[in-house]
Amino acid sequence: MRILILGAGKMGSFFTDLLSFDHEVAVYDNDPQRLRFLYNTQRFTSLDEVDAFNPELVINAVSLKYTLTVFNELLPHIGKDCVLSDISSVKTGFKEYYEQTGHRYVSSHPMFGPTFANLGQLSNENAILINEGDYMGRIFFRDLYTRLGLNLKEISFAEHDETMAYSLSIPFVSTFVFSAVMKHQDTPGTTFKRHMKIARGVLSEDDTLLREILFNPHTKPKVEMIRSELKELIQIIDDRDEDAMKAYLTKIRANIAS
C-alpha cells in the first residue's frame, strides 16, 4: 500500500519506521531538518510532490492545531479513493469534517506517547480505534495495533473525547498543580521524586499538545471535580477531623482499587 505520513515528529517518525518495510511510504514535512534521519521512505517538503506518489492512505501525525489545516491543503493533491486518517488526541469536530470531504476515513489514537512509553515493548500500552468510518481502514489499524501487542478499545468519536478528559486531562492538571507549588528539595522523598519525574516528562511535551488536552471540551467539568475535592480536603484539614479523613481515605482507596 502507498502510505503518506503527514508530519515527521515523534509519532510521524514512529509510524514511518513501523510501516516502511511492509509498504511504500512517503513522509511530508515542511521543515526539511525533521526529515534528515528518516530512511527507507520518500521525503517530501512540498505537497506538489504528493501528486505523483498518489497515496492510498494518509496518516495525519501533525499536531492537532494544524491537523485539519494540513488536510485541507492536501486534498487537491490526492485521489478520491484515498483514505484519510488521524491519530489526534482530541477529535472534536473531526467526524463532521471527514464526512464533508467525501473521502473514506478512519481515526485512531495510539496512547503511548514517546515521553514515557518504551516503543520497543508496547504490550502494556493502549490504543483507541474509533468505531465509525471506513471498515477496511479500521481493519488496517486494528491489525497494526494488534501486531504491536497494544490493548485496543473501539469507541465512538464522542466517547473518545470524554475518555480523554479522564485519562489525560485529570493527570495533566494534577501535574500542573504539583509543578506550580513545587519547591526543590535537598533531601526529596521517594514519592516526591516520582512526582517530579512525571512532571518533567509531561512538561517536556510540546505546548501545543498540552493545550490540546486541556482545551478538550470535556476537560472543564473534570477540573471542577478536582477543585471540589480540594475544597473538601481543605475543610477536613482545617477541622482536623480524623473521622472525616478516614472516610475520605477509604473513598479514594476504593477509587484506585483494581
Protein backbone atom coordinates (compact mmCIF):
# COMPACT_ATOMS: atom_id res chain seq x y z
CA MET A 1 0.00 0.00 0.00
CA ARG A 2 1.18 3.54 -0.70
CA ILE A 3 1.02 5.42 2.60
CA LEU A 4 1.65 9.12 3.10
CA ILE A 5 2.52 10.28 6.61
CA LEU A 6 1.99 13.95 7.37
CA GLY A 7 4.49 15.27 9.91
CA ALA A 8 7.93 13.95 10.84
CA GLY A 9 7.65 14.50 14.59
CA LYS A 10 7.85 11.78 17.23
CA MET A 11 4.75 9.87 16.20
CA GLY A 12 5.17 10.51 12.48
CA SER A 13 8.69 9.09 12.66
CA PHE A 14 7.43 6.13 14.69
CA PHE A 15 4.81 5.23 12.08
CA THR A 16 7.38 5.67 9.32
CA ASP A 17 9.74 3.18 10.97
CA LEU A 18 6.85 0.83 11.65
CA LEU A 19 5.35 0.79 8.17
CA SER A 20 8.19 1.43 5.74
CA PHE A 21 9.36 -2.18 5.45
CA ASP A 22 5.91 -3.54 4.54
CA HIS A 23 4.54 -0.64 2.50
CA GLU A 24 5.64 2.09 0.13
CA VAL A 25 5.85 5.06 2.49
CA ALA A 26 6.39 8.78 1.97
CA VAL A 27 6.64 11.46 4.64
CA TYR A 28 5.72 15.11 4.22
CA ASP A 29 7.05 17.86 6.47
CA ASN A 30 7.63 21.48 5.53
CA ASP A 31 10.76 21.51 7.71
CA PRO A 32 13.48 19.56 5.84
CA GLN A 33 15.57 19.31 9.02
CA ARG A 34 12.98 16.95 10.51
CA LEU A 35 13.32 14.59 7.57
CA ARG A 36 17.09 14.15 7.80
CA PHE A 37 17.22 10.89 9.73
CA LEU A 38 14.30 9.06 8.14
CA TYR A 39 15.25 6.15 5.94
CA ASN A 40 13.58 3.62 3.63
CA THR A 41 11.00 6.25 2.75
CA GLN A 42 10.38 9.07 0.30
CA ARG A 43 10.74 12.52 1.82
CA PHE A 44 8.57 15.41 0.64
CA THR A 45 8.84 19.07 1.61
CA SER A 46 6.17 20.24 -0.85
CA LEU A 47 2.65 18.91 -1.24
CA ASP A 48 3.10 19.13 -5.01
CA GLU A 49 5.33 16.05 -4.67
CA VAL A 50 2.33 14.08 -3.37
CA ASP A 51 0.56 14.15 -6.74
CA ALA A 52 2.89 11.63 -8.36
CA PHE A 53 3.02 9.44 -5.25
CA ASN A 54 -0.79 9.06 -5.33
CA PRO A 55 -1.26 7.70 -1.78
CA GLU A 56 -3.91 5.13 -0.92
CA LEU A 57 -3.84 6.00 2.79
CA VAL A 58 -2.86 9.22 4.59
CA ILE A 59 -1.86 9.20 8.27
CA ASN A 60 -2.01 12.73 9.65
CA ALA A 61 0.51 12.96 12.50
CA VAL A 62 0.85 16.74 12.79
CA SER A 63 -0.22 18.49 15.99
CA LEU A 64 -3.96 18.96 16.50
CA LYS A 65 -3.75 22.70 15.92
CA TYR A 66 -2.77 22.04 12.29
CA THR A 67 -4.46 18.69 11.56
CA LEU A 68 -7.47 19.96 9.63
CA THR A 69 -5.49 22.78 8.02
CA VAL A 70 -2.98 20.31 6.58
CA PHE A 71 -5.81 18.04 5.42
CA ASN A 72 -7.35 20.98 3.57
CA GLU A 73 -4.02 21.78 1.91
CA LEU A 74 -3.56 18.11 0.97
CA LEU A 75 -6.97 17.38 -0.56
CA PRO A 76 -6.22 18.84 -4.02
CA HIS A 77 -3.19 16.51 -4.26
CA ILE A 78 -4.86 13.13 -3.59
CA GLY A 79 -7.38 10.97 -5.41
CA LYS A 80 -10.94 10.44 -4.26
CA ASP A 81 -10.19 6.82 -3.31
CA CYS A 82 -7.51 7.83 -0.80
CA VAL A 83 -8.42 7.06 2.81
CA LEU A 84 -7.83 9.85 5.34
CA SER A 85 -6.77 9.05 8.89
CA ASP A 86 -5.58 10.85 12.01
CA ILE A 87 -4.04 9.88 15.35
CA SER A 88 -5.12 13.00 17.25
CA SER A 89 -5.60 13.10 21.00
CA VAL A 90 -8.78 15.21 20.75
CA LYS A 91 -11.31 14.61 17.98
CA THR A 92 -13.97 17.27 18.43
CA GLY A 93 -15.43 18.16 15.03
CA PHE A 94 -13.43 15.50 13.16
CA LYS A 95 -16.40 13.34 12.19
CA GLU A 96 -18.20 16.29 10.65
CA TYR A 97 -15.04 17.35 8.84
CA TYR A 98 -14.36 13.90 7.39
CA GLU A 99 -17.92 13.49 6.16
CA GLN A 100 -17.88 16.76 4.22
CA THR A 101 -14.63 15.83 2.42
CA GLY A 102 -16.24 12.93 0.55
CA HIS A 103 -13.26 10.70 1.39
CA ARG A 104 -13.34 7.46 3.31
CA TYR A 105 -11.76 7.92 6.72
CA VAL A 106 -10.52 6.15 9.84
CA SER A 107 -9.49 7.65 13.16
CA SER A 108 -7.40 6.20 15.98
CA HIS A 109 -5.39 7.30 18.98
CA PRO A 110 -2.22 5.42 19.97
CA MET A 111 -2.00 6.26 23.67
CA PHE A 112 1.68 5.60 24.09
CA GLY A 113 3.28 8.99 23.77
CA PRO A 114 7.04 8.67 23.33
CA THR A 115 7.73 10.58 26.56
CA PHE A 116 7.01 7.62 28.82
CA ALA A 117 6.41 4.58 26.63
CA ASN A 118 9.03 2.04 25.65
CA LEU A 119 8.37 1.96 21.91
CA GLY A 120 10.12 -1.39 21.67
CA GLN A 121 7.77 -3.00 24.17
CA LEU A 122 4.18 -1.83 23.92
CA SER A 123 2.27 -4.72 25.44
CA ASN A 124 1.36 -2.61 28.48
CA GLU A 125 0.17 0.32 26.38
CA ASN A 126 -3.23 1.15 24.91
CA ALA A 127 -4.75 2.38 21.67
CA ILE A 128 -8.21 3.60 20.77
CA LEU A 129 -9.82 2.90 17.42
CA ILE A 130 -12.88 4.96 16.51
CA ASN A 131 -15.68 2.55 15.54
CA GLU A 132 -17.01 4.91 12.86
CA GLY A 133 -15.80 5.50 9.32
CA ASP A 134 -14.32 3.14 6.73
CA TYR A 135 -14.49 -0.57 7.57
CA MET A 136 -11.32 -1.57 5.73
CA GLY A 137 -9.46 1.35 7.24
CA ARG A 138 -10.42 0.13 10.69
CA ILE A 139 -9.24 -3.36 9.78
CA PHE A 140 -5.84 -1.94 8.79
CA PHE A 141 -5.30 -0.14 12.09
CA ARG A 142 -6.81 -2.94 14.14
CA ASP A 143 -4.32 -5.38 12.65
CA LEU A 144 -1.45 -2.91 13.05
CA TYR A 145 -2.12 -2.21 16.73
CA THR A 146 -2.78 -5.87 17.47
CA ARG A 147 0.59 -6.82 15.98
CA LEU A 148 2.22 -4.30 18.30
CA GLY A 149 0.59 -6.04 21.27
CA LEU A 150 -1.42 -2.97 22.25
CA ASN A 151 -4.59 -3.21 24.30
CA LEU A 152 -7.18 -1.96 21.82
CA LYS A 153 -10.53 -0.36 22.62
CA GLU A 154 -13.08 0.64 19.98
CA ILE A 155 -15.38 3.56 20.79
CA SER A 156 -17.13 6.46 19.06
CA PHE A 157 -15.77 9.94 18.41
CA ALA A 158 -17.85 11.39 21.25
CA GLU A 159 -16.84 8.65 23.69
CA HIS A 160 -13.18 9.19 22.81
CA ASP A 161 -13.07 12.82 23.91
CA GLU A 162 -14.97 12.02 27.11
CA THR A 163 -12.48 9.25 27.86
CA MET A 164 -9.51 11.55 27.19
CA ALA A 165 -10.83 14.06 29.67
CA TYR A 166 -10.42 11.40 32.35
CA SER A 167 -7.27 9.63 31.22
CA LEU A 168 -5.26 12.67 30.11
CA SER A 169 -6.80 15.91 31.36
CA ILE A 170 -7.02 14.91 35.03
CA PRO A 171 -3.39 13.66 35.25
CA PHE A 172 -2.15 16.68 33.30
CA VAL A 173 -3.97 19.18 35.53
CA SER A 174 -2.77 17.37 38.67
CA THR A 175 0.78 17.58 37.33
CA PHE A 176 0.39 21.28 36.59
CA VAL A 177 -0.78 21.94 40.15
CA PHE A 178 2.12 19.95 41.62
CA SER A 179 4.59 21.84 39.44
CA ALA A 180 3.04 25.21 40.30
CA VAL A 181 3.55 24.80 44.07
CA MET A 182 6.73 22.70 43.91
CA LYS A 183 9.94 23.83 45.63
CA HIS A 184 13.21 21.98 45.03
CA GLN A 185 14.20 19.78 47.95
CA ASP A 186 17.74 18.99 49.14
CA THR A 187 16.55 15.65 50.51
CA PRO A 188 13.46 14.69 48.48
CA GLY A 189 11.50 11.60 49.46
CA THR A 190 10.72 8.75 47.09
CA THR A 191 7.17 9.94 46.39
CA PHE A 192 8.37 13.48 45.68
CA LYS A 193 11.00 12.20 43.24
CA ARG A 194 8.44 10.07 41.41
CA HIS A 195 6.08 13.01 41.07
CA MET A 196 8.97 15.15 39.86
CA LYS A 197 9.85 12.59 37.19
CA ILE A 198 6.26 12.55 35.95
CA ALA A 199 6.11 16.36 35.97
CA ARG A 200 9.30 16.70 33.95
CA GLY A 201 8.01 14.16 31.44
CA VAL A 202 4.63 15.84 30.99
CA LEU A 203 6.12 19.33 30.76
CA SER A 204 8.67 18.18 28.19
CA GLU A 205 5.76 17.70 25.78
CA ASP A 206 5.12 20.32 23.14
CA ASP A 207 2.98 23.23 24.36
CA THR A 208 0.53 22.56 21.55
CA LEU A 209 -0.14 19.03 22.79
CA LEU A 210 -0.66 20.24 26.37
CA ARG A 211 -3.05 22.91 25.14
CA GLU A 212 -4.96 20.38 23.03
CA ILE A 213 -5.57 18.16 26.03
CA LEU A 214 -6.63 21.00 28.33
CA PHE A 215 -8.89 22.62 25.72
CA ASN A 216 -10.83 19.38 25.18
CA PRO A 217 -14.47 20.48 25.65
CA HIS A 218 -14.89 17.76 28.29
CA THR A 219 -11.93 18.93 30.42
CA LYS A 220 -13.53 21.78 32.34
CA PRO A 221 -16.02 19.60 34.30
CA LYS A 222 -13.13 17.31 35.31
CA VAL A 223 -11.09 20.27 36.54
CA GLU A 224 -14.11 21.44 38.52
CA MET A 225 -14.24 17.98 40.12
CA ILE A 226 -10.62 18.44 41.25
CA ARG A 227 -11.49 21.83 42.69
CA SER A 228 -14.44 20.34 44.56
CA GLU A 229 -12.29 17.55 46.00
CA LEU A 230 -9.60 20.02 47.10
CA LYS A 231 -12.24 22.14 48.82
CA GLU A 232 -13.47 19.09 50.74
CA LEU A 233 -9.93 18.08 51.69
CA ILE A 234 -9.05 21.60 52.87
CA GLN A 235 -12.14 21.61 55.09
CA ILE A 236 -11.12 18.28 56.64
CA ILE A 237 -7.63 19.64 57.29
CA ASP A 238 -8.98 22.87 58.80
CA ASP A 239 -11.28 20.89 61.10
CA ARG A 240 -8.61 18.29 61.93
CA ASP A 241 -11.49 15.83 61.63
CA GLU A 242 -10.00 12.35 61.99
CA ASP A 243 -13.23 10.53 61.19
CA ALA A 244 -13.75 12.59 58.05
CA MET A 245 -10.15 11.97 57.00
CA LYS A 246 -10.56 8.22 57.49
CA ALA A 247 -13.74 8.24 55.42
CA TYR A 248 -12.03 10.30 52.72
CA LEU A 249 -9.06 7.93 52.51
CA THR A 250 -11.43 4.98 52.32
CA LYS A 251 -13.26 6.64 49.44
CA ILE A 252 -10.19 7.41 47.37
CA ARG A 253 -8.60 4.00 48.01
CA ALA A 254 -11.75 2.43 46.65
CA ASN A 255 -11.42 4.62 43.54
CA ILE A 256 -7.98 3.24 42.70
CA ALA A 257 -8.62 -0.36 43.70
CA SER A 258 -8.12 -2.69 40.76
